[in-house]
Amino acid sequence: MKNRIWHLSAFWLVAACTQSPYPEKGTTVQFEPATPPAVAPAFVIDYPESVEVLEGQTLDFGITASVPSPGQPVVTAKGLPPGATFDSQTLRVKWSPDYQAANDDRDPSVILKTWPIVFNLATTADSKPTINRTTLLIVRDVTRPMKLNVPATPFLLEEGKPYEQTISVESEDYPDGPFDIQVKGLPTSAMVARDLTSKSKFKITYIPSFRDVSINETTNGVNP
């Protein structure tokens, strides 16, 4: 039985090898890869992540937008600061911030403000699909010079008579102050104090004594 099984196995082995697995003649079938369906271009907004402007200057920047054909882009903007405009046809933002745009009345140390502007892109072909992109609009404070109003002409003092002079401070950024001033070169007994009637005024008070006045013995006299 073992010999018969061995001969049978050899027979099938020889029979399997009598035909070439690579025939010279035959039909070759080629399969072309399927062409993937066309993908419509995505909604696109080309925009700056942030823009900066100083108080008193004019800001003017634009964005671009595209949507799949045959639709046309429809862009809106939200979160614009007061006075800023967005043109939906030219896709440009314009703003001329005043000198209070970066200030905070509750905190004089604030030197900038940030406004997040959200651009929304839709298409005329369909009202459902939209995308949003945000640009940070930063306005920085510009400190305008203050004006100190002091006497511009010399004045005459008499011994023993009180003298009082008002000094005022003007600031377009902080019209109500509060202010503080330092005065150098005053006589020892002179005093500078805040005017209680105004947040922007100070008073210099002084009573010259006989020790404060010196006599110049060289004088230019005139004939009577």
N, C-alpha and C. Protein backbone atom coordinates (compact mmCIF):
# COMPACT_ATOMS: atom_id res chain seq x y z
N MET A 1 0.83 -1.21 0.00
CA MET A 1 0.00 0.00 0.00
C MET A 1 0.85 1.24 0.00
N LYS A 2 1.92 1.28 0.73
CA LYS A 2 2.79 2.44 0.78
C LYS A 2 3.41 2.70 -0.58
N ASN A 3 3.81 1.60 -1.33
CA ASN A 3 4.44 1.78 -2.65
C ASN A 3 3.45 2.37 -3.62
N ARG A 4 2.19 1.94 -3.56
CA ARG A 4 1.18 2.45 -4.47
C ARG A 4 0.92 3.94 -4.22
N ILE A 5 0.88 4.28 -3.05
CA ILE A 5 0.65 5.69 -2.74
C ILE A 5 1.80 6.53 -3.22
N TRP A 6 3.00 6.04 -3.11
CA TRP A 6 4.17 6.80 -3.56
C TRP A 6 4.16 6.97 -5.07
N HIS A 7 3.83 5.92 -5.81
CA HIS A 7 3.79 6.00 -7.27
C HIS A 7 2.68 6.93 -7.73
N LEU A 8 1.55 6.92 -7.05
CA LEU A 8 0.45 7.81 -7.42
C LEU A 8 0.83 9.27 -7.23
N SER A 9 1.55 9.56 -6.15
CA SER A 9 1.98 10.94 -5.91
C SER A 9 2.96 11.38 -6.97
N ALA A 10 3.87 10.50 -7.38
CA ALA A 10 4.83 10.86 -8.41
C ALA A 10 4.14 11.08 -9.74
N PHE A 11 3.11 10.30 -10.00
CA PHE A 11 2.38 10.45 -11.26
C PHE A 11 1.74 11.81 -11.36
N TRP A 12 1.09 12.24 -10.32
CA TRP A 12 0.45 13.56 -10.33
C TRP A 12 1.48 14.69 -10.40
N LEU A 13 2.58 14.48 -9.84
CA LEU A 13 3.63 15.50 -9.91
C LEU A 13 4.15 15.66 -11.32
N VAL A 14 4.39 14.57 -11.98
CA VAL A 14 4.88 14.63 -13.37
C VAL A 14 3.82 15.19 -14.28
N ALA A 15 2.58 14.79 -14.07
CA ALA A 15 1.48 15.29 -14.91
C ALA A 15 1.33 16.78 -14.76
N ALA A 16 1.52 17.30 -13.58
CA ALA A 16 1.37 18.74 -13.36
C ALA A 16 2.46 19.52 -14.03
N CYS A 17 3.59 18.96 -14.23
CA CYS A 17 4.72 19.68 -14.80
C CYS A 17 4.81 19.57 -16.30
N THR A 18 3.94 18.83 -16.97
CA THR A 18 4.02 18.66 -18.41
C THR A 18 3.56 19.88 -19.16
N GLN A 19 2.78 20.82 -18.52
CA GLN A 19 2.28 22.01 -19.20
C GLN A 19 2.98 23.25 -18.64
N SER A 20 3.50 24.10 -19.54
CA SER A 20 4.21 25.31 -19.11
C SER A 20 3.25 26.31 -18.48
N PRO A 21 3.62 26.83 -17.31
CA PRO A 21 2.75 27.85 -16.68
C PRO A 21 2.83 29.20 -17.39
N TYR A 22 3.72 29.36 -18.32
CA TYR A 22 3.89 30.62 -19.05
C TYR A 22 3.72 30.36 -20.55
N PRO A 23 2.54 30.17 -21.06
CA PRO A 23 2.33 29.88 -22.50
C PRO A 23 2.80 31.04 -23.38
N GLU A 24 3.28 30.64 -24.58
CA GLU A 24 3.75 31.67 -25.51
C GLU A 24 2.59 32.37 -26.20
N LYS A 25 1.48 31.69 -26.32
CA LYS A 25 0.31 32.27 -26.95
C LYS A 25 -0.81 32.40 -25.94
N GLY A 26 -1.57 33.46 -26.10
CA GLY A 26 -2.68 33.65 -25.19
C GLY A 26 -3.19 35.07 -25.25
N THR A 27 -4.13 35.43 -24.42
CA THR A 27 -4.74 36.77 -24.39
C THR A 27 -4.33 37.49 -23.12
N THR A 28 -3.79 38.70 -23.28
CA THR A 28 -3.39 39.52 -22.13
C THR A 28 -4.45 40.57 -21.86
N VAL A 29 -4.91 40.65 -20.64
CA VAL A 29 -5.94 41.62 -20.25
C VAL A 29 -5.33 42.67 -19.33
N GLN A 30 -5.47 43.93 -19.69
CA GLN A 30 -4.97 45.04 -18.88
C GLN A 30 -6.15 45.81 -18.29
N PHE A 31 -6.01 46.17 -17.04
CA PHE A 31 -7.04 46.95 -16.35
C PHE A 31 -6.52 48.36 -16.11
N GLU A 32 -7.17 49.37 -16.66
CA GLU A 32 -6.79 50.76 -16.45
C GLU A 32 -7.35 51.24 -15.10
N PRO A 33 -6.52 51.99 -14.33
CA PRO A 33 -7.04 52.51 -13.04
C PRO A 33 -8.20 53.47 -13.25
N ALA A 34 -9.15 53.37 -12.40
CA ALA A 34 -10.34 54.23 -12.52
C ALA A 34 -9.97 55.68 -12.24
N THR A 35 -10.50 56.58 -13.00
CA THR A 35 -10.26 58.01 -12.80
C THR A 35 -11.12 58.52 -11.65
N PRO A 36 -10.49 59.09 -10.61
CA PRO A 36 -11.29 59.55 -9.48
C PRO A 36 -12.18 60.71 -9.89
N PRO A 37 -13.32 60.86 -9.27
CA PRO A 37 -14.21 61.96 -9.62
C PRO A 37 -13.58 63.31 -9.28
N ALA A 38 -13.91 64.30 -10.06
CA ALA A 38 -13.37 65.64 -9.84
C ALA A 38 -13.84 66.19 -8.50
N VAL A 39 -12.91 66.84 -7.77
CA VAL A 39 -13.23 67.42 -6.47
C VAL A 39 -13.38 68.92 -6.63
N ALA A 40 -14.52 69.44 -6.24
CA ALA A 40 -14.77 70.88 -6.34
C ALA A 40 -13.81 71.65 -5.43
N PRO A 41 -13.28 72.77 -5.89
CA PRO A 41 -12.37 73.54 -5.04
C PRO A 41 -13.06 73.99 -3.76
N ALA A 42 -12.30 74.04 -2.68
CA ALA A 42 -12.87 74.39 -1.38
C ALA A 42 -13.13 75.89 -1.29
N PHE A 43 -13.92 76.25 -0.28
CA PHE A 43 -14.11 77.65 0.03
C PHE A 43 -12.78 78.19 0.56
N VAL A 44 -12.32 79.30 0.05
CA VAL A 44 -11.02 79.84 0.43
C VAL A 44 -11.15 81.32 0.75
N ILE A 45 -10.57 81.73 1.90
CA ILE A 45 -10.43 83.15 2.25
C ILE A 45 -8.95 83.41 2.50
N ASP A 46 -8.37 84.31 1.75
CA ASP A 46 -6.98 84.71 1.96
C ASP A 46 -7.02 86.00 2.79
N TYR A 47 -6.53 85.93 4.02
CA TYR A 47 -6.71 87.04 4.96
C TYR A 47 -5.47 87.15 5.85
N PRO A 48 -5.19 88.34 6.40
CA PRO A 48 -4.09 88.48 7.37
C PRO A 48 -4.55 88.03 8.74
N GLU A 49 -3.64 87.37 9.48
CA GLU A 49 -4.00 86.94 10.83
C GLU A 49 -4.15 88.12 11.78
N SER A 50 -3.37 89.20 11.54
CA SER A 50 -3.48 90.40 12.38
C SER A 50 -2.99 91.60 11.60
N VAL A 51 -3.52 92.76 11.95
CA VAL A 51 -3.07 94.04 11.39
C VAL A 51 -3.01 95.04 12.53
N GLU A 52 -2.10 96.02 12.42
CA GLU A 52 -1.94 97.03 13.48
C GLU A 52 -2.06 98.43 12.89
N VAL A 53 -2.55 99.33 13.72
CA VAL A 53 -2.68 100.73 13.33
C VAL A 53 -2.50 101.58 14.58
N LEU A 54 -1.98 102.78 14.41
CA LEU A 54 -1.82 103.73 15.50
C LEU A 54 -3.00 104.68 15.52
N GLU A 55 -3.31 105.17 16.71
CA GLU A 55 -4.35 106.20 16.81
C GLU A 55 -4.00 107.38 15.91
N GLY A 56 -5.01 107.90 15.22
CA GLY A 56 -4.80 109.05 14.36
C GLY A 56 -4.36 108.70 12.95
N GLN A 57 -4.07 107.42 12.67
CA GLN A 57 -3.69 107.01 11.33
C GLN A 57 -4.87 106.33 10.64
N THR A 58 -4.72 106.07 9.33
CA THR A 58 -5.76 105.41 8.55
C THR A 58 -5.32 104.00 8.18
N LEU A 59 -6.18 103.03 8.49
CA LEU A 59 -5.92 101.63 8.16
C LEU A 59 -6.74 101.24 6.94
N ASP A 60 -6.10 100.53 6.00
CA ASP A 60 -6.78 100.08 4.78
C ASP A 60 -6.16 98.75 4.36
N PHE A 61 -6.89 97.65 4.50
CA PHE A 61 -6.39 96.35 4.07
C PHE A 61 -7.51 95.54 3.44
N GLY A 62 -7.14 94.55 2.61
CA GLY A 62 -8.14 93.76 1.91
C GLY A 62 -7.92 92.28 2.08
N ILE A 63 -8.95 91.51 1.70
CA ILE A 63 -8.88 90.05 1.69
C ILE A 63 -9.35 89.58 0.31
N THR A 64 -9.13 88.29 0.01
CA THR A 64 -9.66 87.69 -1.21
C THR A 64 -10.44 86.45 -0.82
N ALA A 65 -11.42 86.08 -1.67
CA ALA A 65 -12.27 84.93 -1.37
C ALA A 65 -12.67 84.24 -2.67
N SER A 66 -12.82 82.91 -2.60
CA SER A 66 -13.25 82.13 -3.77
C SER A 66 -14.12 80.98 -3.32
N VAL A 67 -15.06 80.59 -4.21
CA VAL A 67 -15.98 79.47 -3.96
C VAL A 67 -16.08 78.65 -5.24
N PRO A 68 -16.58 77.40 -5.15
CA PRO A 68 -16.72 76.57 -6.35
C PRO A 68 -17.66 77.20 -7.37
N SER A 69 -17.31 77.05 -8.65
CA SER A 69 -18.16 77.52 -9.74
C SER A 69 -19.44 76.66 -9.80
N PRO A 70 -20.57 77.22 -10.17
CA PRO A 70 -20.78 78.54 -10.76
C PRO A 70 -21.13 79.61 -9.74
N GLY A 71 -20.97 79.32 -8.46
CA GLY A 71 -21.33 80.29 -7.44
C GLY A 71 -20.37 81.46 -7.39
N GLN A 72 -20.81 82.54 -6.75
CA GLN A 72 -20.00 83.73 -6.53
C GLN A 72 -19.84 83.94 -5.02
N PRO A 73 -18.65 84.39 -4.59
CA PRO A 73 -18.44 84.56 -3.14
C PRO A 73 -19.28 85.69 -2.56
N VAL A 74 -19.78 85.44 -1.36
CA VAL A 74 -20.52 86.44 -0.59
C VAL A 74 -19.83 86.54 0.76
N VAL A 75 -19.23 87.70 1.05
CA VAL A 75 -18.43 87.87 2.27
C VAL A 75 -19.07 88.94 3.14
N THR A 76 -19.17 88.65 4.44
CA THR A 76 -19.63 89.63 5.42
C THR A 76 -18.60 89.70 6.53
N ALA A 77 -18.62 90.79 7.28
CA ALA A 77 -17.67 91.00 8.37
C ALA A 77 -18.42 91.41 9.63
N LYS A 78 -18.03 90.81 10.76
CA LYS A 78 -18.61 91.13 12.05
C LYS A 78 -17.51 91.49 13.04
N GLY A 79 -17.88 92.31 14.03
CA GLY A 79 -16.94 92.69 15.08
C GLY A 79 -16.09 93.89 14.74
N LEU A 80 -16.49 94.68 13.75
CA LEU A 80 -15.72 95.88 13.40
C LEU A 80 -15.79 96.90 14.53
N PRO A 81 -14.69 97.62 14.79
CA PRO A 81 -14.73 98.68 15.80
C PRO A 81 -15.57 99.85 15.32
N PRO A 82 -16.02 100.71 16.24
CA PRO A 82 -16.82 101.86 15.84
C PRO A 82 -16.09 102.73 14.82
N GLY A 83 -16.79 103.06 13.75
CA GLY A 83 -16.22 103.90 12.70
C GLY A 83 -15.57 103.14 11.57
N ALA A 84 -15.30 101.84 11.74
CA ALA A 84 -14.67 101.04 10.69
C ALA A 84 -15.73 100.58 9.69
N THR A 85 -15.33 100.38 8.43
CA THR A 85 -16.25 99.95 7.39
C THR A 85 -15.65 98.76 6.64
N PHE A 86 -16.54 97.91 6.10
CA PHE A 86 -16.14 96.80 5.24
C PHE A 86 -16.95 96.86 3.96
N ASP A 87 -16.24 96.92 2.82
CA ASP A 87 -16.89 96.97 1.51
C ASP A 87 -17.02 95.53 0.99
N SER A 88 -18.24 95.04 0.86
CA SER A 88 -18.47 93.66 0.44
C SER A 88 -18.16 93.44 -1.05
N GLN A 89 -17.98 94.52 -1.80
CA GLN A 89 -17.65 94.39 -3.22
C GLN A 89 -16.14 94.33 -3.43
N THR A 90 -15.42 95.25 -2.78
CA THR A 90 -13.96 95.27 -2.92
C THR A 90 -13.26 94.43 -1.86
N LEU A 91 -14.01 93.99 -0.84
CA LEU A 91 -13.49 93.18 0.26
C LEU A 91 -12.35 93.90 0.99
N ARG A 92 -12.56 95.18 1.27
CA ARG A 92 -11.55 95.98 1.97
C ARG A 92 -12.13 96.55 3.26
N VAL A 93 -11.25 96.60 4.28
CA VAL A 93 -11.61 97.19 5.57
C VAL A 93 -10.88 98.52 5.70
N LYS A 94 -11.61 99.56 6.10
CA LYS A 94 -11.01 100.88 6.30
C LYS A 94 -11.40 101.39 7.68
N TRP A 95 -10.43 102.04 8.33
CA TRP A 95 -10.68 102.57 9.67
C TRP A 95 -9.67 103.66 9.98
N SER A 96 -10.17 104.76 10.54
CA SER A 96 -9.31 105.85 11.03
C SER A 96 -9.60 106.03 12.52
N PRO A 97 -8.90 105.29 13.39
CA PRO A 97 -9.19 105.37 14.83
C PRO A 97 -8.85 106.73 15.41
N ASP A 98 -9.71 107.24 16.28
CA ASP A 98 -9.42 108.51 16.93
C ASP A 98 -8.43 108.27 18.07
N TYR A 99 -8.11 109.34 18.80
CA TYR A 99 -7.10 109.26 19.84
C TYR A 99 -7.62 108.68 21.16
N GLN A 100 -8.84 108.18 21.15
CA GLN A 100 -9.38 107.47 22.31
C GLN A 100 -9.60 105.99 22.02
N ALA A 101 -9.29 105.55 20.81
CA ALA A 101 -9.62 104.19 20.39
C ALA A 101 -8.87 103.13 21.19
N ALA A 102 -7.67 103.42 21.65
CA ALA A 102 -6.87 102.43 22.39
C ALA A 102 -6.88 102.67 23.89
N ASN A 103 -7.65 103.65 24.35
CA ASN A 103 -7.65 104.00 25.77
C ASN A 103 -8.79 103.34 26.51
N ASP A 104 -8.61 103.22 27.81
CA ASP A 104 -9.65 102.71 28.71
C ASP A 104 -9.80 103.71 29.84
N ASP A 105 -10.98 104.30 29.94
CA ASP A 105 -11.22 105.32 30.97
C ASP A 105 -11.03 104.76 32.38
N ARG A 106 -11.19 103.46 32.54
CA ARG A 106 -11.06 102.84 33.87
C ARG A 106 -9.61 102.51 34.21
N ASP A 107 -8.74 102.48 33.20
CA ASP A 107 -7.34 102.09 33.43
C ASP A 107 -6.43 102.89 32.50
N PRO A 108 -5.82 103.97 32.98
CA PRO A 108 -4.95 104.79 32.13
C PRO A 108 -3.71 104.05 31.63
N SER A 109 -3.38 102.90 32.23
CA SER A 109 -2.19 102.17 31.79
C SER A 109 -2.42 101.37 30.51
N VAL A 110 -3.66 101.25 30.07
CA VAL A 110 -3.96 100.50 28.85
C VAL A 110 -3.41 101.26 27.64
N ILE A 111 -2.61 100.59 26.80
CA ILE A 111 -1.98 101.25 25.65
C ILE A 111 -2.39 100.61 24.32
N LEU A 112 -3.24 99.61 24.33
CA LEU A 112 -3.72 99.03 23.07
C LEU A 112 -5.03 98.31 23.29
N LYS A 113 -5.76 98.13 22.18
CA LYS A 113 -6.99 97.36 22.17
C LYS A 113 -6.98 96.42 20.97
N THR A 114 -7.60 95.26 21.13
CA THR A 114 -7.66 94.28 20.07
C THR A 114 -9.12 94.01 19.70
N TRP A 115 -9.39 94.07 18.39
CA TRP A 115 -10.73 93.83 17.89
C TRP A 115 -10.68 92.60 16.97
N PRO A 116 -11.32 91.49 17.34
CA PRO A 116 -11.39 90.33 16.44
C PRO A 116 -12.47 90.53 15.38
N ILE A 117 -12.07 90.60 14.12
CA ILE A 117 -13.01 90.74 13.01
C ILE A 117 -13.24 89.37 12.38
N VAL A 118 -14.48 88.93 12.32
CA VAL A 118 -14.83 87.62 11.78
C VAL A 118 -15.39 87.79 10.36
N PHE A 119 -14.69 87.20 9.38
CA PHE A 119 -15.15 87.20 7.99
C PHE A 119 -15.89 85.90 7.72
N ASN A 120 -17.09 86.01 7.17
CA ASN A 120 -17.90 84.85 6.82
C ASN A 120 -18.01 84.76 5.30
N LEU A 121 -17.71 83.57 4.75
CA LEU A 121 -17.75 83.35 3.30
C LEU A 121 -18.86 82.36 2.97
N ALA A 122 -19.75 82.78 2.08
CA ALA A 122 -20.80 81.92 1.56
C ALA A 122 -20.78 82.00 0.03
N THR A 123 -21.68 81.26 -0.60
CA THR A 123 -21.75 81.26 -2.06
C THR A 123 -23.18 81.54 -2.51
N THR A 124 -23.31 82.15 -3.67
CA THR A 124 -24.64 82.43 -4.21
C THR A 124 -25.33 81.15 -4.69
N ALA A 125 -24.56 80.07 -4.87
CA ALA A 125 -25.14 78.82 -5.37
C ALA A 125 -25.85 78.03 -4.28
N ASP A 126 -25.50 78.26 -3.03
CA ASP A 126 -26.08 77.49 -1.92
C ASP A 126 -25.92 78.31 -0.65
N SER A 127 -26.97 78.37 0.13
CA SER A 127 -26.93 79.19 1.34
C SER A 127 -26.41 78.44 2.55
N LYS A 128 -26.19 77.14 2.45
CA LYS A 128 -25.81 76.36 3.63
C LYS A 128 -24.32 76.36 3.92
N PRO A 129 -23.45 75.95 2.98
CA PRO A 129 -22.03 75.85 3.37
C PRO A 129 -21.38 77.23 3.51
N THR A 130 -20.78 77.48 4.65
CA THR A 130 -20.05 78.73 4.89
C THR A 130 -18.80 78.41 5.71
N ILE A 131 -17.81 79.33 5.67
CA ILE A 131 -16.64 79.22 6.52
C ILE A 131 -16.38 80.58 7.16
N ASN A 132 -15.72 80.57 8.32
CA ASN A 132 -15.38 81.78 9.04
C ASN A 132 -13.87 81.86 9.24
N ARG A 133 -13.33 83.07 9.15
CA ARG A 133 -11.92 83.33 9.43
C ARG A 133 -11.84 84.62 10.23
N THR A 134 -10.87 84.69 11.16
CA THR A 134 -10.78 85.83 12.08
C THR A 134 -9.46 86.57 11.91
N THR A 135 -9.54 87.88 11.77
CA THR A 135 -8.38 88.76 11.74
C THR A 135 -8.38 89.62 13.00
N LEU A 136 -7.24 89.70 13.68
CA LEU A 136 -7.12 90.53 14.88
C LEU A 136 -6.70 91.93 14.47
N LEU A 137 -7.53 92.90 14.75
CA LEU A 137 -7.22 94.30 14.47
C LEU A 137 -6.72 94.94 15.76
N ILE A 138 -5.47 95.40 15.75
CA ILE A 138 -4.83 95.94 16.95
C ILE A 138 -4.60 97.43 16.76
N VAL A 139 -5.10 98.23 17.69
CA VAL A 139 -4.86 99.68 17.66
C VAL A 139 -4.03 100.04 18.88
N ARG A 140 -2.96 100.80 18.63
CA ARG A 140 -2.04 101.19 19.71
C ARG A 140 -2.19 102.67 20.04
N ASP A 141 -1.99 102.95 21.32
CA ASP A 141 -2.15 104.31 21.82
C ASP A 141 -1.03 105.23 21.33
N VAL A 142 -1.38 106.45 21.03
CA VAL A 142 -0.42 107.51 20.70
C VAL A 142 -0.61 108.63 21.72
N THR A 143 0.41 108.84 22.53
CA THR A 143 0.32 109.87 23.56
C THR A 143 0.67 111.23 22.96
N ARG A 144 -0.28 112.12 22.99
CA ARG A 144 -0.03 113.47 22.49
C ARG A 144 0.59 114.32 23.59
N PRO A 145 1.45 115.26 23.22
CA PRO A 145 2.14 116.06 24.25
C PRO A 145 1.17 116.91 25.06
N MET A 146 1.48 117.02 26.35
CA MET A 146 0.68 117.88 27.23
C MET A 146 1.20 119.31 27.18
N LYS A 147 0.35 120.23 27.52
CA LYS A 147 0.70 121.65 27.52
C LYS A 147 0.63 122.17 28.95
N LEU A 148 1.70 122.84 29.37
CA LEU A 148 1.75 123.44 30.71
C LEU A 148 1.68 124.95 30.57
N ASN A 149 0.63 125.52 31.12
CA ASN A 149 0.41 126.97 31.02
C ASN A 149 0.99 127.66 32.25
N VAL A 150 2.05 128.43 32.03
CA VAL A 150 2.74 129.18 33.10
C VAL A 150 2.88 130.64 32.66
N PRO A 151 3.14 131.56 33.62
CA PRO A 151 3.31 132.97 33.24
C PRO A 151 4.46 133.13 32.26
N ALA A 152 4.21 133.85 31.19
CA ALA A 152 5.22 134.03 30.15
C ALA A 152 6.02 135.32 30.33
N THR A 153 5.55 136.22 31.16
CA THR A 153 6.24 137.51 31.34
C THR A 153 6.67 137.66 32.80
N PRO A 154 7.74 138.40 33.05
CA PRO A 154 8.19 138.63 34.44
C PRO A 154 7.12 139.38 35.24
N PHE A 155 7.13 139.20 36.54
CA PHE A 155 6.16 139.88 37.39
C PHE A 155 6.90 140.43 38.61
N LEU A 156 6.31 141.46 39.20
CA LEU A 156 6.92 142.18 40.31
C LEU A 156 6.30 141.75 41.63
N LEU A 157 7.17 141.46 42.60
CA LEU A 157 6.71 141.09 43.94
C LEU A 157 7.14 142.17 44.94
N GLU A 158 6.30 142.36 45.94
CA GLU A 158 6.63 143.31 46.99
C GLU A 158 6.78 142.56 48.31
N GLU A 159 7.74 143.02 49.08
CA GLU A 159 7.99 142.39 50.38
C GLU A 159 6.74 142.41 51.25
N GLY A 160 6.46 141.26 51.85
CA GLY A 160 5.36 141.18 52.80
C GLY A 160 3.99 141.02 52.16
N LYS A 161 3.88 141.10 50.85
CA LYS A 161 2.59 140.97 50.19
C LYS A 161 2.43 139.56 49.59
N PRO A 162 1.28 138.92 49.83
CA PRO A 162 1.07 137.56 49.31
C PRO A 162 1.08 137.54 47.79
N TYR A 163 1.62 136.48 47.27
CA TYR A 163 1.65 136.28 45.81
C TYR A 163 0.97 134.94 45.51
N GLU A 164 0.15 134.92 44.50
CA GLU A 164 -0.52 133.69 44.09
C GLU A 164 -0.55 133.60 42.57
N GLN A 165 -0.17 132.45 42.04
CA GLN A 165 -0.14 132.25 40.59
C GLN A 165 -0.72 130.88 40.26
N THR A 166 -1.56 130.82 39.26
CA THR A 166 -2.19 129.55 38.83
C THR A 166 -1.43 128.94 37.65
N ILE A 167 -1.18 127.66 37.74
CA ILE A 167 -0.57 126.88 36.65
C ILE A 167 -1.58 125.82 36.23
N SER A 168 -1.80 125.69 34.93
CA SER A 168 -2.77 124.71 34.44
C SER A 168 -2.11 123.74 33.45
N VAL A 169 -2.67 122.54 33.41
CA VAL A 169 -2.18 121.49 32.52
C VAL A 169 -3.28 121.15 31.52
N GLU A 170 -2.92 121.05 30.24
CA GLU A 170 -3.88 120.68 29.20
C GLU A 170 -3.42 119.38 28.53
N SER A 171 -4.34 118.44 28.43
CA SER A 171 -4.05 117.16 27.77
C SER A 171 -5.28 116.73 26.98
N GLU A 172 -5.09 116.51 25.68
CA GLU A 172 -6.20 116.06 24.85
C GLU A 172 -6.55 114.60 25.14
N ASP A 173 -5.58 113.82 25.59
CA ASP A 173 -5.85 112.42 25.90
C ASP A 173 -6.54 112.26 27.25
N TYR A 174 -6.15 113.09 28.23
CA TYR A 174 -6.73 112.99 29.58
C TYR A 174 -7.15 114.39 30.02
N PRO A 175 -8.26 114.89 29.51
CA PRO A 175 -8.68 116.25 29.83
C PRO A 175 -8.96 116.49 31.31
N ASP A 176 -9.33 115.43 32.04
CA ASP A 176 -9.64 115.58 33.47
C ASP A 176 -8.52 115.06 34.36
N GLY A 177 -7.37 114.77 33.77
CA GLY A 177 -6.24 114.32 34.58
C GLY A 177 -6.44 112.91 35.10
N PRO A 178 -5.98 112.60 36.31
CA PRO A 178 -5.31 113.52 37.25
C PRO A 178 -3.85 113.76 36.86
N PHE A 179 -3.33 114.93 37.27
CA PHE A 179 -1.97 115.33 36.97
C PHE A 179 -1.19 115.57 38.26
N ASP A 180 0.12 115.60 38.07
CA ASP A 180 1.00 115.96 39.17
C ASP A 180 2.16 116.74 38.57
N ILE A 181 2.62 117.77 39.24
CA ILE A 181 3.71 118.59 38.72
C ILE A 181 4.79 118.75 39.79
N GLN A 182 5.99 119.01 39.33
CA GLN A 182 7.11 119.32 40.20
C GLN A 182 7.74 120.61 39.72
N VAL A 183 7.98 121.51 40.65
CA VAL A 183 8.53 122.83 40.32
C VAL A 183 9.87 122.98 41.01
N LYS A 184 10.87 123.41 40.27
CA LYS A 184 12.21 123.63 40.82
C LYS A 184 12.57 125.11 40.74
N GLY A 185 13.42 125.55 41.68
CA GLY A 185 13.90 126.93 41.66
C GLY A 185 13.06 127.91 42.43
N LEU A 186 12.03 127.44 43.13
CA LEU A 186 11.20 128.35 43.91
C LEU A 186 11.90 128.74 45.21
N PRO A 187 11.54 129.91 45.75
CA PRO A 187 12.06 130.27 47.08
C PRO A 187 11.67 129.22 48.12
N THR A 188 12.40 129.19 49.21
CA THR A 188 12.19 128.15 50.22
C THR A 188 10.78 128.16 50.79
N SER A 189 10.23 129.33 51.00
CA SER A 189 8.91 129.41 51.64
C SER A 189 7.75 129.31 50.65
N ALA A 190 8.04 129.22 49.35
CA ALA A 190 6.96 129.11 48.36
C ALA A 190 6.36 127.71 48.39
N MET A 191 5.07 127.61 48.10
CA MET A 191 4.36 126.33 48.15
C MET A 191 3.57 126.12 46.85
N VAL A 192 3.50 124.85 46.44
CA VAL A 192 2.71 124.46 45.27
C VAL A 192 1.65 123.48 45.74
N ALA A 193 0.39 123.79 45.47
CA ALA A 193 -0.71 122.93 45.91
C ALA A 193 -1.73 122.79 44.79
N ARG A 194 -2.45 121.68 44.81
CA ARG A 194 -3.49 121.43 43.82
C ARG A 194 -4.67 122.37 44.04
N ASP A 195 -5.19 122.91 42.96
CA ASP A 195 -6.36 123.77 43.03
C ASP A 195 -7.59 122.88 43.24
N LEU A 196 -8.28 123.08 44.33
CA LEU A 196 -9.42 122.23 44.66
C LEU A 196 -10.61 122.45 43.74
N THR A 197 -10.59 123.50 42.96
CA THR A 197 -11.72 123.78 42.06
C THR A 197 -11.55 123.13 40.69
N SER A 198 -10.36 122.58 40.42
CA SER A 198 -10.11 122.00 39.10
C SER A 198 -9.10 120.87 39.21
N LYS A 199 -9.29 119.80 38.41
CA LYS A 199 -8.36 118.67 38.41
C LYS A 199 -7.10 118.94 37.61
N SER A 200 -7.10 120.03 36.85
CA SER A 200 -5.96 120.30 35.98
C SER A 200 -5.21 121.58 36.35
N LYS A 201 -5.51 122.15 37.54
CA LYS A 201 -4.88 123.41 37.92
C LYS A 201 -4.14 123.27 39.25
N PHE A 202 -3.06 124.06 39.36
CA PHE A 202 -2.25 124.11 40.58
C PHE A 202 -2.02 125.58 40.92
N LYS A 203 -1.74 125.83 42.21
CA LYS A 203 -1.49 127.20 42.65
C LYS A 203 -0.15 127.29 43.35
N ILE A 204 0.58 128.36 43.01
CA ILE A 204 1.82 128.69 43.70
C ILE A 204 1.52 129.86 44.63
N THR A 205 1.79 129.69 45.91
CA THR A 205 1.58 130.77 46.88
C THR A 205 2.92 131.12 47.53
N TYR A 206 3.09 132.42 47.76
CA TYR A 206 4.40 132.87 48.28
C TYR A 206 4.24 134.25 48.90
N ILE A 207 4.81 134.43 50.08
CA ILE A 207 4.86 135.76 50.71
C ILE A 207 6.33 136.10 50.90
N PRO A 208 6.88 136.96 50.06
CA PRO A 208 8.31 137.28 50.17
C PRO A 208 8.60 138.05 51.46
N SER A 209 9.62 137.63 52.15
CA SER A 209 10.03 138.32 53.38
C SER A 209 11.14 139.30 53.05
N PHE A 210 11.58 140.07 54.08
CA PHE A 210 12.64 141.05 53.87
C PHE A 210 13.97 140.36 53.60
N ARG A 211 14.09 139.10 53.95
CA ARG A 211 15.34 138.38 53.70
C ARG A 211 15.43 137.88 52.25
N ASP A 212 14.27 137.82 51.58
CA ASP A 212 14.25 137.25 50.23
C ASP A 212 14.61 138.26 49.15
N VAL A 213 14.65 139.53 49.50
CA VAL A 213 14.87 140.57 48.51
C VAL A 213 16.23 141.19 48.71
N SER A 214 17.01 141.26 47.65
CA SER A 214 18.32 141.93 47.70
C SER A 214 18.24 143.20 46.87
N ILE A 215 19.09 144.19 47.27
CA ILE A 215 19.07 145.50 46.59
C ILE A 215 20.29 145.60 45.71
N ASN A 216 20.04 145.89 44.45
CA ASN A 216 21.13 146.13 43.51
C ASN A 216 21.49 147.60 43.58
N GLU A 217 22.69 147.88 44.09
CA GLU A 217 23.07 149.29 44.29
C GLU A 217 23.35 150.00 42.98
N THR A 218 23.58 149.26 41.89
CA THR A 218 23.81 149.90 40.60
C THR A 218 22.49 149.99 39.88
N THR A 219 21.98 151.20 39.74
CA THR A 219 20.69 151.41 39.06
C THR A 219 20.87 152.39 37.95
N ASN A 220 19.98 152.31 37.02
CA ASN A 220 19.94 153.27 35.91
C ASN A 220 18.83 154.25 36.19
N GLY A 221 19.23 155.44 36.53
CA GLY A 221 18.23 156.46 36.87
C GLY A 221 17.82 157.25 35.65
N VAL A 222 16.74 157.98 35.80
CA VAL A 222 16.26 158.84 34.72
C VAL A 222 16.08 160.24 35.30
N ASN A 223 16.30 161.19 34.50
CA ASN A 223 16.14 162.57 34.96
C ASN A 223 14.67 162.92 35.05
N PRO A 224 14.32 163.56 36.14
CA PRO A 224 12.91 163.98 36.29
C PRO A 224 12.56 165.02 35.23
